[in-house]
Amino acid sequence: MKIYTKTGDKGYTSLIGGTRVAKHHIRIESYGTIDELNSYIGLIGDQDITLHDKEVLKQIQDRLFTIGSSLAADPEKSRMVIPDLHLADIELLEQEMDKMNEQLPELRHFILPGGSNAISYCHIARCVCRRAERITVHLAEESTVDEKVNIYLNRLSDYLFTLARKIGNDNNIPENQWIPRI
């Protein structure tokens, strides 16, 4: 099978279910941004972080593929069986954040991104995640989107922020606090 099909050469692509849409369609933007986020999650996992954090990130990547698949499907025409996102997936993120927060100092300032590559990658992924959430919220106003998708993305951005703090704490890197000049 060739990787290129030439079917998108004129700026259109197919959703799962066969519907052709412009490559700038909000549904394409939504799952394309999820794909971008998934790539950044992989980059974080390639850093010198704990094995446990790497394993959680792999689970997140799996869930992002599930989300991307659901967003790539035409809700009116797709007959393909796509894995479901579950409340347990959201709860995992919450449990992981709770565990990390037990080790972290109380948050008293806004945190500027930076400190190490791993910390910065977490913040980039957090920003991409927020963008993905904004796009899927917009898509949900126009079409069917599983409400758990937006909840998951909301929790994931919080998880990535917390993971950035944990990585800094694990490596004795001081937080880059924002202290506004008055």
N, C-alpha and C. Protein backbone atom coordinates (compact mmCIF):
# COMPACT_ATOMS: atom_id res chain seq x y z
N MET A 1 0.84 -1.18 0.00
CA MET A 1 0.00 0.00 0.00
C MET A 1 0.89 1.24 0.00
N LYS A 2 0.61 2.17 -0.89
CA LYS A 2 1.35 3.42 -0.95
C LYS A 2 0.83 4.35 0.13
N ILE A 3 1.73 5.15 0.68
CA ILE A 3 1.34 6.10 1.71
C ILE A 3 0.63 7.31 1.10
N TYR A 4 0.94 7.59 -0.17
CA TYR A 4 0.26 8.72 -0.80
C TYR A 4 -0.86 8.22 -1.71
N THR A 5 -1.96 8.97 -1.71
CA THR A 5 -3.13 8.58 -2.51
C THR A 5 -3.47 9.61 -3.58
N LYS A 6 -3.01 10.82 -3.41
CA LYS A 6 -3.28 11.95 -4.30
C LYS A 6 -4.72 12.43 -4.21
N THR A 7 -5.53 11.82 -3.35
CA THR A 7 -6.94 12.23 -3.24
C THR A 7 -7.11 13.57 -2.53
N GLY A 8 -6.09 14.05 -1.86
CA GLY A 8 -6.17 15.32 -1.17
C GLY A 8 -5.49 16.46 -1.88
N ASP A 9 -5.07 16.23 -3.10
CA ASP A 9 -4.30 17.23 -3.83
C ASP A 9 -5.07 18.52 -4.11
N LYS A 10 -6.36 18.47 -4.09
CA LYS A 10 -7.16 19.66 -4.39
C LYS A 10 -7.73 20.30 -3.11
N GLY A 11 -7.19 19.89 -1.95
CA GLY A 11 -7.58 20.55 -0.71
C GLY A 11 -8.76 19.94 0.01
N TYR A 12 -9.12 18.71 -0.37
CA TYR A 12 -10.22 18.00 0.29
C TYR A 12 -9.73 16.66 0.81
N THR A 13 -10.38 16.19 1.85
CA THR A 13 -10.04 14.90 2.42
C THR A 13 -11.33 14.20 2.84
N SER A 14 -11.21 12.93 3.18
CA SER A 14 -12.39 12.14 3.56
C SER A 14 -12.40 11.90 5.06
N LEU A 15 -13.59 12.01 5.61
CA LEU A 15 -13.82 11.61 6.99
C LEU A 15 -14.10 10.11 7.01
N ILE A 16 -14.00 9.50 8.19
CA ILE A 16 -14.44 8.12 8.33
C ILE A 16 -15.93 8.11 8.06
N GLY A 17 -16.35 7.36 7.09
CA GLY A 17 -17.74 7.36 6.64
C GLY A 17 -17.84 7.83 5.21
N GLY A 18 -16.74 8.41 4.68
CA GLY A 18 -16.68 8.76 3.27
C GLY A 18 -16.97 10.20 2.92
N THR A 19 -17.51 10.99 3.81
CA THR A 19 -17.82 12.38 3.51
C THR A 19 -16.54 13.15 3.17
N ARG A 20 -16.56 13.88 2.06
CA ARG A 20 -15.42 14.71 1.66
C ARG A 20 -15.63 16.12 2.22
N VAL A 21 -14.58 16.64 2.84
CA VAL A 21 -14.62 18.00 3.39
C VAL A 21 -13.32 18.70 3.07
N ALA A 22 -13.36 20.04 3.11
CA ALA A 22 -12.15 20.83 2.91
C ALA A 22 -11.16 20.55 4.04
N LYS A 23 -9.89 20.62 3.71
CA LYS A 23 -8.87 20.33 4.72
C LYS A 23 -8.84 21.38 5.83
N HIS A 24 -9.51 22.50 5.62
CA HIS A 24 -9.59 23.51 6.68
C HIS A 24 -10.88 23.37 7.50
N HIS A 25 -11.67 22.35 7.22
CA HIS A 25 -12.92 22.10 7.97
C HIS A 25 -12.61 21.96 9.45
N ILE A 26 -13.48 22.45 10.28
CA ILE A 26 -13.23 22.43 11.73
C ILE A 26 -13.02 21.01 12.27
N ARG A 27 -13.66 20.03 11.66
CA ARG A 27 -13.46 18.64 12.11
C ARG A 27 -12.02 18.20 11.82
N ILE A 28 -11.47 18.62 10.67
CA ILE A 28 -10.09 18.29 10.33
C ILE A 28 -9.15 19.05 11.28
N GLU A 29 -9.46 20.32 11.54
CA GLU A 29 -8.66 21.09 12.51
C GLU A 29 -8.66 20.41 13.88
N SER A 30 -9.80 19.88 14.27
CA SER A 30 -9.90 19.28 15.61
C SER A 30 -9.01 18.04 15.72
N TYR A 31 -9.14 17.10 14.79
CA TYR A 31 -8.32 15.89 14.96
C TYR A 31 -6.88 16.12 14.54
N GLY A 32 -6.63 17.11 13.69
CA GLY A 32 -5.24 17.45 13.37
C GLY A 32 -4.51 18.04 14.57
N THR A 33 -5.22 18.80 15.36
CA THR A 33 -4.62 19.38 16.57
C THR A 33 -4.42 18.30 17.62
N ILE A 34 -5.32 17.33 17.68
CA ILE A 34 -5.12 16.18 18.59
C ILE A 34 -3.87 15.42 18.17
N ASP A 35 -3.65 15.25 16.87
CA ASP A 35 -2.46 14.57 16.37
C ASP A 35 -1.20 15.34 16.75
N GLU A 36 -1.24 16.66 16.60
CA GLU A 36 -0.11 17.50 17.00
C GLU A 36 0.17 17.33 18.50
N LEU A 37 -0.88 17.35 19.30
CA LEU A 37 -0.75 17.15 20.75
C LEU A 37 -0.12 15.80 21.05
N ASN A 38 -0.56 14.77 20.35
CA ASN A 38 -0.04 13.43 20.57
C ASN A 38 1.46 13.37 20.28
N SER A 39 1.89 14.11 19.27
CA SER A 39 3.32 14.15 18.95
C SER A 39 4.11 14.80 20.08
N TYR A 40 3.59 15.86 20.64
CA TYR A 40 4.27 16.51 21.77
C TYR A 40 4.28 15.61 23.00
N ILE A 41 3.21 14.86 23.22
CA ILE A 41 3.19 13.91 24.34
C ILE A 41 4.31 12.88 24.14
N GLY A 42 4.49 12.42 22.91
CA GLY A 42 5.58 11.49 22.62
C GLY A 42 6.94 12.12 22.90
N LEU A 43 7.08 13.40 22.59
CA LEU A 43 8.33 14.10 22.86
C LEU A 43 8.61 14.19 24.36
N ILE A 44 7.58 14.45 25.14
CA ILE A 44 7.75 14.47 26.60
C ILE A 44 8.19 13.09 27.08
N GLY A 45 7.56 12.05 26.55
CA GLY A 45 7.91 10.69 26.94
C GLY A 45 9.33 10.29 26.57
N ASP A 46 9.92 10.97 25.61
CA ASP A 46 11.30 10.70 25.21
C ASP A 46 12.33 11.38 26.12
N GLN A 47 11.85 12.18 27.05
CA GLN A 47 12.76 12.90 27.95
C GLN A 47 13.16 12.01 29.13
N ASP A 48 14.08 12.51 29.92
CA ASP A 48 14.56 11.79 31.10
C ASP A 48 13.57 12.03 32.25
N ILE A 49 12.48 11.27 32.22
CA ILE A 49 11.45 11.36 33.25
C ILE A 49 11.23 9.96 33.82
N THR A 50 10.43 9.85 34.86
CA THR A 50 10.25 8.55 35.51
C THR A 50 9.54 7.57 34.59
N LEU A 51 9.80 6.31 34.81
CA LEU A 51 9.15 5.25 34.05
C LEU A 51 7.63 5.33 34.22
N HIS A 52 7.19 5.60 35.43
CA HIS A 52 5.74 5.71 35.67
C HIS A 52 5.14 6.81 34.81
N ASP A 53 5.78 7.98 34.76
CA ASP A 53 5.27 9.07 33.94
C ASP A 53 5.26 8.70 32.46
N LYS A 54 6.28 7.99 32.01
CA LYS A 54 6.33 7.52 30.62
C LYS A 54 5.15 6.59 30.33
N GLU A 55 4.83 5.69 31.28
CA GLU A 55 3.72 4.75 31.08
C GLU A 55 2.38 5.49 31.03
N VAL A 56 2.21 6.48 31.89
CA VAL A 56 0.96 7.27 31.86
C VAL A 56 0.86 8.01 30.54
N LEU A 57 1.97 8.57 30.06
CA LEU A 57 1.94 9.28 28.78
C LEU A 57 1.58 8.35 27.63
N LYS A 58 2.04 7.10 27.68
CA LYS A 58 1.65 6.12 26.64
C LYS A 58 0.14 5.89 26.67
N GLN A 59 -0.43 5.80 27.87
CA GLN A 59 -1.89 5.64 27.99
C GLN A 59 -2.60 6.86 27.42
N ILE A 60 -2.07 8.03 27.69
CA ILE A 60 -2.65 9.27 27.16
C ILE A 60 -2.59 9.26 25.64
N GLN A 61 -1.45 8.83 25.08
CA GLN A 61 -1.35 8.77 23.62
C GLN A 61 -2.40 7.83 23.03
N ASP A 62 -2.65 6.72 23.69
CA ASP A 62 -3.68 5.79 23.24
C ASP A 62 -5.05 6.47 23.26
N ARG A 63 -5.33 7.18 24.33
CA ARG A 63 -6.63 7.87 24.44
C ARG A 63 -6.75 8.97 23.39
N LEU A 64 -5.64 9.64 23.09
CA LEU A 64 -5.68 10.68 22.06
C LEU A 64 -5.95 10.08 20.68
N PHE A 65 -5.47 8.86 20.43
CA PHE A 65 -5.82 8.19 19.17
C PHE A 65 -7.32 7.88 19.14
N THR A 66 -7.86 7.48 20.27
CA THR A 66 -9.30 7.23 20.36
C THR A 66 -10.07 8.52 20.07
N ILE A 67 -9.65 9.60 20.69
CA ILE A 67 -10.31 10.89 20.48
C ILE A 67 -10.19 11.31 19.01
N GLY A 68 -8.98 11.20 18.46
CA GLY A 68 -8.79 11.56 17.06
C GLY A 68 -9.67 10.76 16.12
N SER A 69 -9.82 9.47 16.41
CA SER A 69 -10.68 8.61 15.59
C SER A 69 -12.13 9.07 15.66
N SER A 70 -12.59 9.39 16.86
CA SER A 70 -13.99 9.81 16.99
C SER A 70 -14.22 11.14 16.29
N LEU A 71 -13.23 12.03 16.35
CA LEU A 71 -13.37 13.33 15.68
C LEU A 71 -13.26 13.21 14.16
N ALA A 72 -12.54 12.19 13.68
CA ALA A 72 -12.36 11.99 12.24
C ALA A 72 -13.56 11.32 11.58
N ALA A 73 -14.49 10.86 12.39
CA ALA A 73 -15.65 10.14 11.85
C ALA A 73 -16.81 11.10 11.60
N ASP A 74 -17.47 10.91 10.48
CA ASP A 74 -18.70 11.65 10.20
C ASP A 74 -19.79 11.05 11.08
N PRO A 75 -20.32 11.82 12.05
CA PRO A 75 -21.31 11.24 12.97
C PRO A 75 -22.58 10.77 12.27
N GLU A 76 -22.83 11.27 11.07
CA GLU A 76 -24.05 10.89 10.34
C GLU A 76 -23.86 9.63 9.50
N LYS A 77 -22.61 9.36 9.05
CA LYS A 77 -22.42 8.30 8.06
C LYS A 77 -21.50 7.17 8.47
N SER A 78 -20.63 7.40 9.46
CA SER A 78 -19.65 6.38 9.81
C SER A 78 -20.31 5.17 10.44
N ARG A 79 -19.93 3.99 9.97
CA ARG A 79 -20.39 2.74 10.56
C ARG A 79 -19.23 2.00 11.25
N MET A 80 -18.05 2.61 11.18
CA MET A 80 -16.87 2.00 11.78
C MET A 80 -16.99 2.00 13.30
N VAL A 81 -16.64 0.89 13.90
CA VAL A 81 -16.63 0.80 15.35
C VAL A 81 -15.35 1.47 15.85
N ILE A 82 -15.53 2.50 16.66
CA ILE A 82 -14.41 3.28 17.18
C ILE A 82 -14.38 3.09 18.68
N PRO A 83 -13.19 2.92 19.25
CA PRO A 83 -13.11 2.75 20.72
C PRO A 83 -13.74 3.94 21.43
N ASP A 84 -14.25 3.70 22.59
CA ASP A 84 -14.89 4.75 23.38
C ASP A 84 -13.90 5.34 24.37
N LEU A 85 -14.13 6.61 24.68
CA LEU A 85 -13.47 7.26 25.79
C LEU A 85 -14.36 7.00 27.00
N HIS A 86 -13.75 6.69 28.14
CA HIS A 86 -14.52 6.33 29.34
C HIS A 86 -14.26 7.33 30.46
N LEU A 87 -15.18 7.41 31.39
CA LEU A 87 -14.98 8.26 32.56
C LEU A 87 -13.72 7.86 33.32
N ALA A 88 -13.38 6.57 33.28
CA ALA A 88 -12.16 6.09 33.95
C ALA A 88 -10.91 6.74 33.36
N ASP A 89 -10.94 7.11 32.08
CA ASP A 89 -9.80 7.78 31.46
C ASP A 89 -9.60 9.17 32.06
N ILE A 90 -10.71 9.85 32.32
CA ILE A 90 -10.67 11.17 32.96
C ILE A 90 -10.23 11.02 34.41
N GLU A 91 -10.77 10.02 35.07
CA GLU A 91 -10.42 9.78 36.48
C GLU A 91 -8.94 9.45 36.65
N LEU A 92 -8.35 8.76 35.68
CA LEU A 92 -6.92 8.46 35.75
C LEU A 92 -6.11 9.75 35.81
N LEU A 93 -6.45 10.71 34.96
CA LEU A 93 -5.74 11.99 34.97
C LEU A 93 -5.89 12.69 36.31
N GLU A 94 -7.09 12.65 36.86
CA GLU A 94 -7.34 13.29 38.15
C GLU A 94 -6.54 12.60 39.26
N GLN A 95 -6.51 11.27 39.25
CA GLN A 95 -5.75 10.53 40.26
C GLN A 95 -4.26 10.82 40.15
N GLU A 96 -3.76 10.87 38.93
CA GLU A 96 -2.34 11.17 38.73
C GLU A 96 -2.01 12.57 39.22
N MET A 97 -2.88 13.54 38.94
CA MET A 97 -2.63 14.90 39.43
C MET A 97 -2.66 14.94 40.95
N ASP A 98 -3.60 14.23 41.56
CA ASP A 98 -3.68 14.21 43.02
C ASP A 98 -2.39 13.65 43.62
N LYS A 99 -1.87 12.56 43.02
CA LYS A 99 -0.61 11.97 43.52
C LYS A 99 0.55 12.95 43.37
N MET A 100 0.63 13.61 42.22
CA MET A 100 1.73 14.55 42.00
C MET A 100 1.63 15.73 42.96
N ASN A 101 0.41 16.23 43.17
CA ASN A 101 0.23 17.39 44.03
C ASN A 101 0.61 17.11 45.48
N GLU A 102 0.54 15.85 45.89
CA GLU A 102 0.95 15.50 47.26
C GLU A 102 2.43 15.78 47.48
N GLN A 103 3.23 15.73 46.40
CA GLN A 103 4.69 15.94 46.49
C GLN A 103 5.09 17.39 46.23
N LEU A 104 4.21 18.16 45.65
CA LEU A 104 4.57 19.50 45.18
C LEU A 104 4.29 20.57 46.22
N PRO A 105 5.10 21.63 46.22
CA PRO A 105 4.79 22.75 47.11
C PRO A 105 3.50 23.43 46.65
N GLU A 106 2.86 24.11 47.59
CA GLU A 106 1.63 24.83 47.27
C GLU A 106 1.91 25.85 46.17
N LEU A 107 1.00 25.96 45.24
CA LEU A 107 1.15 26.89 44.13
C LEU A 107 0.69 28.28 44.60
N ARG A 108 1.63 29.22 44.62
CA ARG A 108 1.33 30.57 45.12
C ARG A 108 1.54 31.65 44.06
N HIS A 109 2.09 31.27 42.91
CA HIS A 109 2.37 32.22 41.84
C HIS A 109 2.02 31.58 40.50
N PHE A 110 1.83 32.42 39.50
CA PHE A 110 1.77 31.90 38.14
C PHE A 110 3.16 31.41 37.79
N ILE A 111 3.22 30.40 36.95
CA ILE A 111 4.48 29.80 36.55
C ILE A 111 4.76 30.13 35.09
N LEU A 112 5.94 30.67 34.83
CA LEU A 112 6.37 30.89 33.45
C LEU A 112 6.94 29.59 32.90
N PRO A 113 6.64 29.25 31.66
CA PRO A 113 7.21 28.03 31.08
C PRO A 113 8.72 28.10 31.04
N GLY A 114 9.36 26.97 31.28
CA GLY A 114 10.81 26.90 31.19
C GLY A 114 11.42 26.20 32.39
N GLY A 115 12.71 26.00 32.30
CA GLY A 115 13.46 25.35 33.37
C GLY A 115 14.27 24.18 32.85
N SER A 116 13.71 23.45 31.92
CA SER A 116 14.40 22.34 31.25
C SER A 116 13.61 22.01 29.99
N ASN A 117 14.21 21.21 29.12
CA ASN A 117 13.48 20.81 27.91
C ASN A 117 12.20 20.08 28.26
N ALA A 118 12.27 19.15 29.20
CA ALA A 118 11.08 18.36 29.55
C ALA A 118 9.97 19.25 30.09
N ILE A 119 10.33 20.20 30.94
CA ILE A 119 9.33 21.12 31.50
C ILE A 119 8.72 21.96 30.36
N SER A 120 9.57 22.49 29.51
CA SER A 120 9.09 23.32 28.40
C SER A 120 8.19 22.53 27.46
N TYR A 121 8.55 21.27 27.17
CA TYR A 121 7.70 20.43 26.31
C TYR A 121 6.34 20.20 26.94
N CYS A 122 6.29 20.05 28.26
CA CYS A 122 4.99 19.90 28.94
C CYS A 122 4.14 21.15 28.73
N HIS A 123 4.77 22.32 28.83
CA HIS A 123 4.02 23.57 28.66
C HIS A 123 3.57 23.76 27.21
N ILE A 124 4.41 23.38 26.26
CA ILE A 124 3.98 23.46 24.86
C ILE A 124 2.80 22.53 24.63
N ALA A 125 2.89 21.30 25.13
CA ALA A 125 1.79 20.34 24.99
C ALA A 125 0.53 20.87 25.66
N ARG A 126 0.68 21.50 26.81
CA ARG A 126 -0.47 22.08 27.53
C ARG A 126 -1.16 23.12 26.65
N CYS A 127 -0.37 23.97 26.00
CA CYS A 127 -0.95 25.01 25.13
C CYS A 127 -1.64 24.39 23.91
N VAL A 128 -1.03 23.38 23.32
CA VAL A 128 -1.65 22.70 22.18
C VAL A 128 -2.93 22.02 22.63
N CYS A 129 -2.91 21.45 23.83
CA CYS A 129 -4.10 20.80 24.38
C CYS A 129 -5.23 21.81 24.55
N ARG A 130 -4.92 22.98 25.07
CA ARG A 130 -5.94 24.03 25.23
C ARG A 130 -6.51 24.43 23.87
N ARG A 131 -5.64 24.52 22.86
CA ARG A 131 -6.13 24.85 21.52
C ARG A 131 -7.05 23.75 21.00
N ALA A 132 -6.64 22.50 21.20
CA ALA A 132 -7.48 21.37 20.79
C ALA A 132 -8.84 21.44 21.48
N GLU A 133 -8.83 21.78 22.75
CA GLU A 133 -10.09 21.90 23.50
C GLU A 133 -10.96 23.01 22.91
N ARG A 134 -10.36 24.17 22.61
CA ARG A 134 -11.14 25.27 22.03
C ARG A 134 -11.77 24.85 20.70
N ILE A 135 -11.00 24.15 19.88
CA ILE A 135 -11.51 23.74 18.57
C ILE A 135 -12.63 22.71 18.72
N THR A 136 -12.46 21.75 19.63
CA THR A 136 -13.51 20.73 19.78
C THR A 136 -14.76 21.31 20.44
N VAL A 137 -14.61 22.29 21.30
CA VAL A 137 -15.79 22.98 21.86
C VAL A 137 -16.55 23.67 20.73
N HIS A 138 -15.80 24.32 19.84
CA HIS A 138 -16.42 24.96 18.68
C HIS A 138 -17.11 23.92 17.80
N LEU A 139 -16.42 22.81 17.53
CA LEU A 139 -17.01 21.75 16.72
C LEU A 139 -18.30 21.23 17.36
N ALA A 140 -18.30 21.10 18.68
CA ALA A 140 -19.48 20.58 19.39
C ALA A 140 -20.69 21.50 19.25
N GLU A 141 -20.46 22.77 18.96
CA GLU A 141 -21.57 23.70 18.71
C GLU A 141 -22.22 23.45 17.35
N GLU A 142 -21.47 22.80 16.44
CA GLU A 142 -21.94 22.58 15.07
C GLU A 142 -22.29 21.13 14.77
N SER A 143 -21.72 20.20 15.54
CA SER A 143 -21.85 18.80 15.22
C SER A 143 -21.76 17.97 16.50
N THR A 144 -21.89 16.67 16.34
CA THR A 144 -21.83 15.77 17.48
C THR A 144 -20.39 15.52 17.91
N VAL A 145 -20.12 15.76 19.19
CA VAL A 145 -18.83 15.45 19.81
C VAL A 145 -19.15 14.86 21.18
N ASP A 146 -18.57 13.72 21.48
CA ASP A 146 -18.75 13.11 22.79
C ASP A 146 -18.31 14.11 23.85
N GLU A 147 -19.20 14.41 24.80
CA GLU A 147 -18.88 15.41 25.82
C GLU A 147 -17.65 15.03 26.65
N LYS A 148 -17.34 13.73 26.73
CA LYS A 148 -16.16 13.31 27.48
C LYS A 148 -14.87 13.78 26.82
N VAL A 149 -14.91 14.04 25.51
CA VAL A 149 -13.72 14.51 24.81
C VAL A 149 -13.27 15.85 25.38
N ASN A 150 -14.19 16.79 25.51
CA ASN A 150 -13.82 18.11 26.02
C ASN A 150 -13.43 18.05 27.49
N ILE A 151 -14.08 17.21 28.25
CA ILE A 151 -13.71 17.04 29.66
C ILE A 151 -12.29 16.47 29.74
N TYR A 152 -12.01 15.45 28.93
CA TYR A 152 -10.69 14.83 28.93
C TYR A 152 -9.61 15.86 28.57
N LEU A 153 -9.85 16.64 27.53
CA LEU A 153 -8.87 17.63 27.11
C LEU A 153 -8.66 18.69 28.20
N ASN A 154 -9.72 19.07 28.87
CA ASN A 154 -9.61 20.03 29.96
C ASN A 154 -8.74 19.47 31.08
N ARG A 155 -8.97 18.23 31.46
CA ARG A 155 -8.16 17.59 32.50
C ARG A 155 -6.73 17.37 32.04
N LEU A 156 -6.56 17.02 30.76
CA LEU A 156 -5.23 16.74 30.25
C LEU A 156 -4.35 17.99 30.31
N SER A 157 -4.90 19.14 30.00
CA SER A 157 -4.08 20.36 30.08
C SER A 157 -3.65 20.61 31.52
N ASP A 158 -4.54 20.37 32.47
CA ASP A 158 -4.18 20.50 33.89
C ASP A 158 -3.12 19.47 34.27
N TYR A 159 -3.26 18.24 33.77
CA TYR A 159 -2.29 17.19 34.03
C TYR A 159 -0.91 17.61 33.51
N LEU A 160 -0.85 18.17 32.31
CA LEU A 160 0.43 18.56 31.72
C LEU A 160 1.09 19.68 32.51
N PHE A 161 0.29 20.61 33.02
CA PHE A 161 0.82 21.67 33.88
C PHE A 161 1.40 21.06 35.15
N THR A 162 0.67 20.14 35.75
CA THR A 162 1.11 19.50 36.98
C THR A 162 2.35 18.64 36.72
N LEU A 163 2.38 17.94 35.59
CA LEU A 163 3.54 17.14 35.24
C LEU A 163 4.77 18.02 35.08
N ALA A 164 4.62 19.19 34.48
CA ALA A 164 5.75 20.12 34.34
C ALA A 164 6.30 20.48 35.72
N ARG A 165 5.41 20.76 36.65
CA ARG A 165 5.85 21.09 38.02
C ARG A 165 6.54 19.89 38.67
N LYS A 166 6.00 18.69 38.47
CA LYS A 166 6.57 17.49 39.07
C LYS A 166 7.97 17.22 38.51
N ILE A 167 8.12 17.36 37.21
CA ILE A 167 9.43 17.12 36.60
C ILE A 167 10.45 18.10 37.17
N GLY A 168 10.06 19.34 37.32
CA GLY A 168 10.95 20.31 37.93
C GLY A 168 11.29 19.93 39.36
N ASN A 169 10.30 19.53 40.11
CA ASN A 169 10.50 19.13 41.50
C ASN A 169 11.41 17.90 41.58
N ASP A 170 11.16 16.91 40.71
CA ASP A 170 11.98 15.69 40.69
C ASP A 170 13.45 15.99 40.42
N ASN A 171 13.71 17.04 39.66
CA ASN A 171 15.07 17.37 39.24
C ASN A 171 15.63 18.59 39.95
N ASN A 172 14.97 19.01 41.03
CA ASN A 172 15.42 20.17 41.82
C ASN A 172 15.61 21.42 40.97
N ILE A 173 14.69 21.63 40.04
CA ILE A 173 14.72 22.82 39.19
C ILE A 173 13.70 23.80 39.77
N PRO A 174 14.14 24.97 40.18
CA PRO A 174 13.20 25.92 40.77
C PRO A 174 12.16 26.36 39.75
N GLU A 175 10.94 26.57 40.24
CA GLU A 175 9.87 27.03 39.36
C GLU A 175 10.16 28.46 38.91
N ASN A 176 9.84 28.71 37.67
CA ASN A 176 10.05 30.01 37.05
C ASN A 176 8.81 30.85 37.35
N GLN A 177 8.78 31.43 38.55
CA GLN A 177 7.59 32.15 39.00
C GLN A 177 7.47 33.51 38.31
N TRP A 178 6.23 33.85 37.99
CA TRP A 178 5.96 35.16 37.45
C TRP A 178 5.64 36.08 38.61
N ILE A 179 6.49 37.08 38.79
CA ILE A 179 6.27 38.10 39.81
C ILE A 179 6.05 39.41 39.05
N PRO A 180 4.80 39.86 38.97
CA PRO A 180 4.54 41.07 38.17
C PRO A 180 5.24 42.30 38.75
N ARG A 181 5.79 43.09 37.85
CA ARG A 181 6.40 44.38 38.26
C ARG A 181 5.29 45.40 38.34
N ILE A 182 5.29 46.11 39.42
CA ILE A 182 4.24 47.14 39.61
C ILE A 182 4.87 48.51 39.59
